[in-house]
Amino acid sequence: MPFESLSEKIQYSLRKLTGRGKVNEKDIDDAMREIRVSLLEADVNYKIVKQFISEVKEKEETKWKNI
């Protein structure tokens, strides 16, 4: 099942972040790269993936500025 595989890959990427004591921008960028690849491998439309990644990065940048 393609969606189960996608779910597992995304959960794995996020689990790697939660297993750390402190998360930095590089960790988030690495996780977003893995999620982007997973979505594209699952045949999610490129424009949707691009928009999703852009929105997450925007929220992430806002959060880092407020810290």
PDB file of N, CA and C in Angstrom:
ATOM      1  N   MET A   1       0.828  -1.182   0.000  1.00  0.00           N
ATOM      2  CA  MET A   1       0.000   0.000   0.000  1.00  0.00           C
ATOM      3  C   MET A   1       0.876   1.250   0.000  1.00  0.00           C
ATOM      4  N   PRO A   2       0.716   2.117  -0.975  1.00  0.00           N
ATOM      5  CA  PRO A   2       1.555   3.311  -1.062  1.00  0.00           C
ATOM      6  C   PRO A   2       1.374   4.273   0.119  1.00  0.00           C
ATOM      7  N   PHE A   3       0.146   4.405   0.631  1.00  0.00           N
ATOM      8  CA  PHE A   3      -0.072   5.356   1.720  1.00  0.00           C
ATOM      9  C   PHE A   3       0.524   4.863   3.029  1.00  0.00           C
ATOM     10  N   GLU A   4       0.539   3.569   3.241  1.00  0.00           N
ATOM     11  CA  GLU A   4       1.155   3.026   4.444  1.00  0.00           C
ATOM     12  C   GLU A   4       2.658   3.277   4.407  1.00  0.00           C
ATOM     13  N   SER A   5       3.249   3.080   3.263  1.00  0.00           N
ATOM     14  CA  SER A   5       4.680   3.330   3.108  1.00  0.00           C
ATOM     15  C   SER A   5       4.980   4.808   3.326  1.00  0.00           C
ATOM     16  N   LEU A   6       4.160   5.686   2.764  1.00  0.00           N
ATOM     17  CA  LEU A   6       4.344   7.125   2.935  1.00  0.00           C
ATOM     18  C   LEU A   6       4.232   7.496   4.409  1.00  0.00           C
ATOM     19  N   SER A   7       3.230   6.974   5.058  1.00  0.00           N
ATOM     20  CA  SER A   7       3.022   7.245   6.484  1.00  0.00           C
ATOM     21  C   SER A   7       4.224   6.788   7.306  1.00  0.00           C
ATOM     22  N   GLU A   8       4.727   5.614   7.008  1.00  0.00           N
ATOM     23  CA  GLU A   8       5.884   5.089   7.736  1.00  0.00           C
ATOM     24  C   GLU A   8       7.118   5.968   7.524  1.00  0.00           C
ATOM     25  N   LYS A   9       7.335   6.417   6.303  1.00  0.00           N
ATOM     26  CA  LYS A   9       8.500   7.249   6.010  1.00  0.00           C
ATOM     27  C   LYS A   9       8.412   8.594   6.724  1.00  0.00           C
ATOM     28  N   ILE A  10       7.225   9.187   6.733  1.00  0.00           N
ATOM     29  CA  ILE A  10       7.052  10.475   7.405  1.00  0.00           C
ATOM     30  C   ILE A  10       7.196  10.303   8.911  1.00  0.00           C
ATOM     31  N   GLN A  11       6.613   9.251   9.457  1.00  0.00           N
ATOM     32  CA  GLN A  11       6.752   8.996  10.892  1.00  0.00           C
ATOM     33  C   GLN A  11       8.212   8.779  11.270  1.00  0.00           C
ATOM     34  N   TYR A  12       8.949   8.079  10.443  1.00  0.00           N
ATOM     35  CA  TYR A  12      10.365   7.838  10.700  1.00  0.00           C
ATOM     36  C   TYR A  12      11.130   9.165  10.725  1.00  0.00           C
ATOM     37  N   SER A  13      10.844  10.038   9.759  1.00  0.00           N
ATOM     38  CA  SER A  13      11.522  11.335   9.693  1.00  0.00           C
ATOM     39  C   SER A  13      11.220  12.168  10.935  1.00  0.00           C
ATOM     40  N   LEU A  14       9.973  12.162  11.359  1.00  0.00           N
ATOM     41  CA  LEU A  14       9.592  12.947  12.534  1.00  0.00           C
ATOM     42  C   LEU A  14      10.126  12.327  13.822  1.00  0.00           C
ATOM     43  N   ARG A  15      10.190  11.008  13.875  1.00  0.00           N
ATOM     44  CA  ARG A  15      10.726  10.323  15.052  1.00  0.00           C
ATOM     45  C   ARG A  15      12.196  10.676  15.276  1.00  0.00           C
ATOM     46  N   LYS A  16      12.923  10.848  14.179  1.00  0.00           N
ATOM     47  CA  LYS A  16      14.328  11.225  14.299  1.00  0.00           C
ATOM     48  C   LYS A  16      14.461  12.595  14.953  1.00  0.00           C
ATOM     49  N   LEU A  17      13.486  13.477  14.724  1.00  0.00           N
ATOM     50  CA  LEU A  17      13.519  14.795  15.355  1.00  0.00           C
ATOM     51  C   LEU A  17      13.155  14.717  16.831  1.00  0.00           C
ATOM     52  N   THR A  18      12.162  13.917  17.167  1.00  0.00           N
ATOM     53  CA  THR A  18      11.703  13.860  18.554  1.00  0.00           C
ATOM     54  C   THR A  18      12.687  13.122  19.443  1.00  0.00           C
ATOM     55  N   GLY A  19      13.571  12.346  18.866  1.00  0.00           N
ATOM     56  CA  GLY A  19      14.548  11.614  19.649  1.00  0.00           C
ATOM     57  C   GLY A  19      15.733  12.472  20.087  1.00  0.00           C
ATOM     58  N   ARG A  20      15.746  13.717  19.669  1.00  0.00           N
ATOM     59  CA  ARG A  20      16.868  14.607  19.991  1.00  0.00           C
ATOM     60  C   ARG A  20      16.488  15.498  21.171  1.00  0.00           C
ATOM     61  N   GLY A  21      17.489  15.876  21.933  1.00  0.00           N
ATOM     62  CA  GLY A  21      17.241  16.791  23.040  1.00  0.00           C
ATOM     63  C   GLY A  21      16.950  18.189  22.537  1.00  0.00           C
ATOM     64  N   LYS A  22      17.734  18.630  21.561  1.00  0.00           N
ATOM     65  CA  LYS A  22      17.583  19.959  21.002  1.00  0.00           C
ATOM     66  C   LYS A  22      17.609  19.841  19.488  1.00  0.00           C
ATOM     67  N   VAL A  23      16.712  20.534  18.829  1.00  0.00           N
ATOM     68  CA  VAL A  23      16.600  20.463  17.372  1.00  0.00           C
ATOM     69  C   VAL A  23      17.080  21.784  16.800  1.00  0.00           C
ATOM     70  N   ASN A  24      17.924  21.702  15.775  1.00  0.00           N
ATOM     71  CA  ASN A  24      18.386  22.931  15.123  1.00  0.00           C
ATOM     72  C   ASN A  24      17.835  23.007  13.703  1.00  0.00           C
ATOM     73  N   GLU A  25      18.158  24.084  13.010  1.00  0.00           N
ATOM     74  CA  GLU A  25      17.626  24.285  11.658  1.00  0.00           C
ATOM     75  C   GLU A  25      18.063  23.189  10.690  1.00  0.00           C
ATOM     76  N   LYS A  26      19.297  22.717  10.820  1.00  0.00           N
ATOM     77  CA  LYS A  26      19.784  21.656   9.932  1.00  0.00           C
ATOM     78  C   LYS A  26      18.967  20.382  10.116  1.00  0.00           C
ATOM     79  N   ASP A  27      18.630  20.052  11.354  1.00  0.00           N
ATOM     80  CA  ASP A  27      17.816  18.868  11.629  1.00  0.00           C
ATOM     81  C   ASP A  27      16.457  18.983  10.952  1.00  0.00           C
ATOM     82  N   ILE A  28      15.862  20.169  11.046  1.00  0.00           N
ATOM     83  CA  ILE A  28      14.556  20.391  10.427  1.00  0.00           C
ATOM     84  C   ILE A  28      14.673  20.331   8.910  1.00  0.00           C
ATOM     85  N   ASP A  29      15.717  20.936   8.354  1.00  0.00           N
ATOM     86  CA  ASP A  29      15.918  20.894   6.897  1.00  0.00           C
ATOM     87  C   ASP A  29      16.087  19.456   6.408  1.00  0.00           C
ATOM     88  N   ASP A  30      16.841  18.660   7.157  1.00  0.00           N
ATOM     89  CA  ASP A  30      17.033  17.256   6.781  1.00  0.00           C
ATOM     90  C   ASP A  30      15.711  16.497   6.808  1.00  0.00           C
ATOM     91  N   ALA A  31      14.921  16.728   7.850  1.00  0.00           N
ATOM     92  CA  ALA A  31      13.624  16.053   7.959  1.00  0.00           C
ATOM     93  C   ALA A  31      12.694  16.491   6.821  1.00  0.00           C
ATOM     94  N   MET A  32      12.694  17.772   6.502  1.00  0.00           N
ATOM     95  CA  MET A  32      11.838  18.270   5.423  1.00  0.00           C
ATOM     96  C   MET A  32      12.276  17.696   4.082  1.00  0.00           C
ATOM     97  N   ARG A  33      13.565  17.523   3.897  1.00  0.00           N
ATOM     98  CA  ARG A  33      14.065  16.927   2.653  1.00  0.00           C
ATOM     99  C   ARG A  33      13.555  15.487   2.529  1.00  0.00           C
ATOM    100  N   GLU A  34      13.630  14.730   3.626  1.00  0.00           N
ATOM    101  CA  GLU A  34      13.152  13.346   3.616  1.00  0.00           C
ATOM    102  C   GLU A  34      11.650  13.291   3.352  1.00  0.00           C
ATOM    103  N   ILE A  35      10.904  14.208   3.960  1.00  0.00           N
ATOM    104  CA  ILE A  35       9.452  14.238   3.755  1.00  0.00           C
ATOM    105  C   ILE A  35       9.134  14.616   2.315  1.00  0.00           C
ATOM    106  N   ARG A  36       9.861  15.586   1.761  1.00  0.00           N
ATOM    107  CA  ARG A  36       9.642  15.994   0.368  1.00  0.00           C
ATOM    108  C   ARG A  36       9.847  14.806  -0.576  1.00  0.00           C
ATOM    109  N   VAL A  37      10.936  14.086  -0.378  1.00  0.00           N
ATOM    110  CA  VAL A  37      11.236  12.929  -1.229  1.00  0.00           C
ATOM    111  C   VAL A  37      10.149  11.863  -1.070  1.00  0.00           C
ATOM    112  N   SER A  38       9.709  11.630   0.151  1.00  0.00           N
ATOM    113  CA  SER A  38       8.674  10.627   0.408  1.00  0.00           C
ATOM    114  C   SER A  38       7.377  10.987  -0.304  1.00  0.00           C
ATOM    115  N   LEU A  39       7.007  12.256  -0.239  1.00  0.00           N
ATOM    116  CA  LEU A  39       5.775  12.693  -0.906  1.00  0.00           C
ATOM    117  C   LEU A  39       5.892  12.546  -2.425  1.00  0.00           C
ATOM    118  N   LEU A  40       7.030  12.924  -2.971  1.00  0.00           N
ATOM    119  CA  LEU A  40       7.214  12.811  -4.420  1.00  0.00           C
ATOM    120  C   LEU A  40       7.244  11.347  -4.866  1.00  0.00           C
ATOM    121  N   GLU A  41       7.862  10.479  -4.055  1.00  0.00           N
ATOM    122  CA  GLU A  41       7.873   9.054  -4.384  1.00  0.00           C
ATOM    123  C   GLU A  41       6.466   8.459  -4.344  1.00  0.00           C
ATOM    124  N   ALA A  42       5.588   9.073  -3.536  1.00  0.00           N
ATOM    125  CA  ALA A  42       4.205   8.599  -3.440  1.00  0.00           C
ATOM    126  C   ALA A  42       3.327   9.235  -4.521  1.00  0.00           C
ATOM    127  N   ASP A  43       3.957   9.893  -5.485  1.00  0.00           N
ATOM    128  CA  ASP A  43       3.276  10.518  -6.620  1.00  0.00           C
ATOM    129  C   ASP A  43       2.348  11.660  -6.230  1.00  0.00           C
ATOM    130  N   VAL A  44       2.690  12.364  -5.144  1.00  0.00           N
ATOM    131  CA  VAL A  44       1.960  13.583  -4.815  1.00  0.00           C
ATOM    132  C   VAL A  44       2.416  14.648  -5.809  1.00  0.00           C
ATOM    133  N   ASN A  45       1.478  15.439  -6.280  1.00  0.00           N
ATOM    134  CA  ASN A  45       1.764  16.465  -7.277  1.00  0.00           C
ATOM    135  C   ASN A  45       2.894  17.377  -6.791  1.00  0.00           C
ATOM    136  N   TYR A  46       3.830  17.664  -7.683  1.00  0.00           N
ATOM    137  CA  TYR A  46       5.004  18.476  -7.347  1.00  0.00           C
ATOM    138  C   TYR A  46       4.617  19.847  -6.788  1.00  0.00           C
ATOM    139  N   LYS A  47       3.596  20.482  -7.381  1.00  0.00           N
ATOM    140  CA  LYS A  47       3.184  21.812  -6.930  1.00  0.00           C
ATOM    141  C   LYS A  47       2.639  21.765  -5.505  1.00  0.00           C
ATOM    142  N   ILE A  48       1.933  20.714  -5.181  1.00  0.00           N
ATOM    143  CA  ILE A  48       1.391  20.563  -3.828  1.00  0.00           C
ATOM    144  C   ILE A  48       2.528  20.351  -2.835  1.00  0.00           C
ATOM    145  N   VAL A  49       3.488  19.521  -3.197  1.00  0.00           N
ATOM    146  CA  VAL A  49       4.643  19.279  -2.326  1.00  0.00           C
ATOM    147  C   VAL A  49       5.415  20.579  -2.122  1.00  0.00           C
ATOM    148  N   LYS A  50       5.632  21.309  -3.182  1.00  0.00           N
ATOM    149  CA  LYS A  50       6.368  22.568  -3.109  1.00  0.00           C
ATOM    150  C   LYS A  50       5.647  23.558  -2.192  1.00  0.00           C
ATOM    151  N   GLN A  51       4.340  23.655  -2.331  1.00  0.00           N
ATOM    152  CA  GLN A  51       3.545  24.560  -1.496  1.00  0.00           C
ATOM    153  C   GLN A  51       3.601  24.129  -0.029  1.00  0.00           C
ATOM    154  N   PHE A  52       3.460  22.833   0.222  1.00  0.00           N
ATOM    155  CA  PHE A  52       3.505  22.300   1.584  1.00  0.00           C
ATOM    156  C   PHE A  52       4.845  22.618   2.248  1.00  0.00           C
ATOM    157  N   ILE A  53       5.939  22.324   1.548  1.00  0.00           N
ATOM    158  CA  ILE A  53       7.275  22.565   2.094  1.00  0.00           C
ATOM    159  C   ILE A  53       7.473  24.057   2.351  1.00  0.00           C
ATOM    160  N   SER A  54       7.013  24.882   1.441  1.00  0.00           N
ATOM    161  CA  SER A  54       7.132  26.326   1.590  1.00  0.00           C
ATOM    162  C   SER A  54       6.386  26.817   2.834  1.00  0.00           C
ATOM    163  N   GLU A  55       5.179  26.328   3.044  1.00  0.00           N
ATOM    164  CA  GLU A  55       4.385  26.749   4.204  1.00  0.00           C
ATOM    165  C   GLU A  55       5.016  26.280   5.515  1.00  0.00           C
ATOM    166  N   VAL A  56       5.539  25.081   5.528  1.00  0.00           N
ATOM    167  CA  VAL A  56       6.181  24.572   6.746  1.00  0.00           C
ATOM    168  C   VAL A  56       7.443  25.380   7.047  1.00  0.00           C
ATOM    169  N   LYS A  57       8.239  25.666   6.018  1.00  0.00           N
ATOM    170  CA  LYS A  57       9.466  26.449   6.225  1.00  0.00           C
ATOM    171  C   LYS A  57       9.131  27.853   6.729  1.00  0.00           C
ATOM    172  N   GLU A  58       8.066  28.436   6.187  1.00  0.00           N
ATOM    173  CA  GLU A  58       7.650  29.765   6.624  1.00  0.00           C
ATOM    174  C   GLU A  58       7.282  29.750   8.114  1.00  0.00           C
ATOM    175  N   LYS A  59       6.544  28.750   8.532  1.00  0.00           N
ATOM    176  CA  LYS A  59       6.171  28.634   9.946  1.00  0.00           C
ATOM    177  C   LYS A  59       7.402  28.375  10.812  1.00  0.00           C
ATOM    178  N   GLU A  60       8.299  27.562  10.308  1.00  0.00           N
ATOM    179  CA  GLU A  60       9.522  27.246  11.041  1.00  0.00           C
ATOM    180  C   GLU A  60      10.369  28.506  11.216  1.00  0.00           C
ATOM    181  N   GLU A  61      10.515  29.314  10.163  1.00  0.00           N
ATOM    182  CA  GLU A  61      11.301  30.531  10.244  1.00  0.00           C
ATOM    183  C   GLU A  61      10.680  31.507  11.231  1.00  0.00           C
ATOM    184  N   THR A  62       9.370  31.604  11.240  1.00  0.00           N
ATOM    185  CA  THR A  62       8.680  32.481  12.182  1.00  0.00           C
ATOM    186  C   THR A  62       8.942  32.028  13.611  1.00  0.00           C
ATOM    187  N   LYS A  63       8.915  30.736  13.834  1.00  0.00           N
ATOM    188  CA  LYS A  63       9.154  30.207  15.170  1.00  0.00           C
ATOM    189  C   LYS A  63      10.574  30.489  15.618  1.00  0.00           C
ATOM    190  N   TRP A  64      11.561  30.302  14.723  1.00  0.00           N
ATOM    191  CA  TRP A  64      12.961  30.544  15.085  1.00  0.00           C
ATOM    192  C   TRP A  64      13.184  32.022  15.408  1.00  0.00           C
ATOM    193  N   LYS A  65      12.494  32.916  14.728  1.00  0.00           N
ATOM    194  CA  LYS A  65      12.647  34.347  14.989  1.00  0.00           C
ATOM    195  C   LYS A  65      12.086  34.725  16.357  1.00  0.00           C
ATOM    196  N   ASN A  66      11.074  33.989  16.817  1.00  0.00           N
ATOM    197  CA  ASN A  66      10.437  34.299  18.091  1.00  0.00           C
ATOM    198  C   ASN A  66      11.158  33.688  19.276  1.00  0.00           C
ATOM    199  N   ILE A  67      12.182  32.909  19.027  1.00  0.00           N
ATOM    200  CA  ILE A  67      12.907  32.253  20.138  1.00  0.00           C
ATOM    201  C   ILE A  67      13.982  33.184  20.650  1.00  0.00           C
TER     202      ILE A  67
END
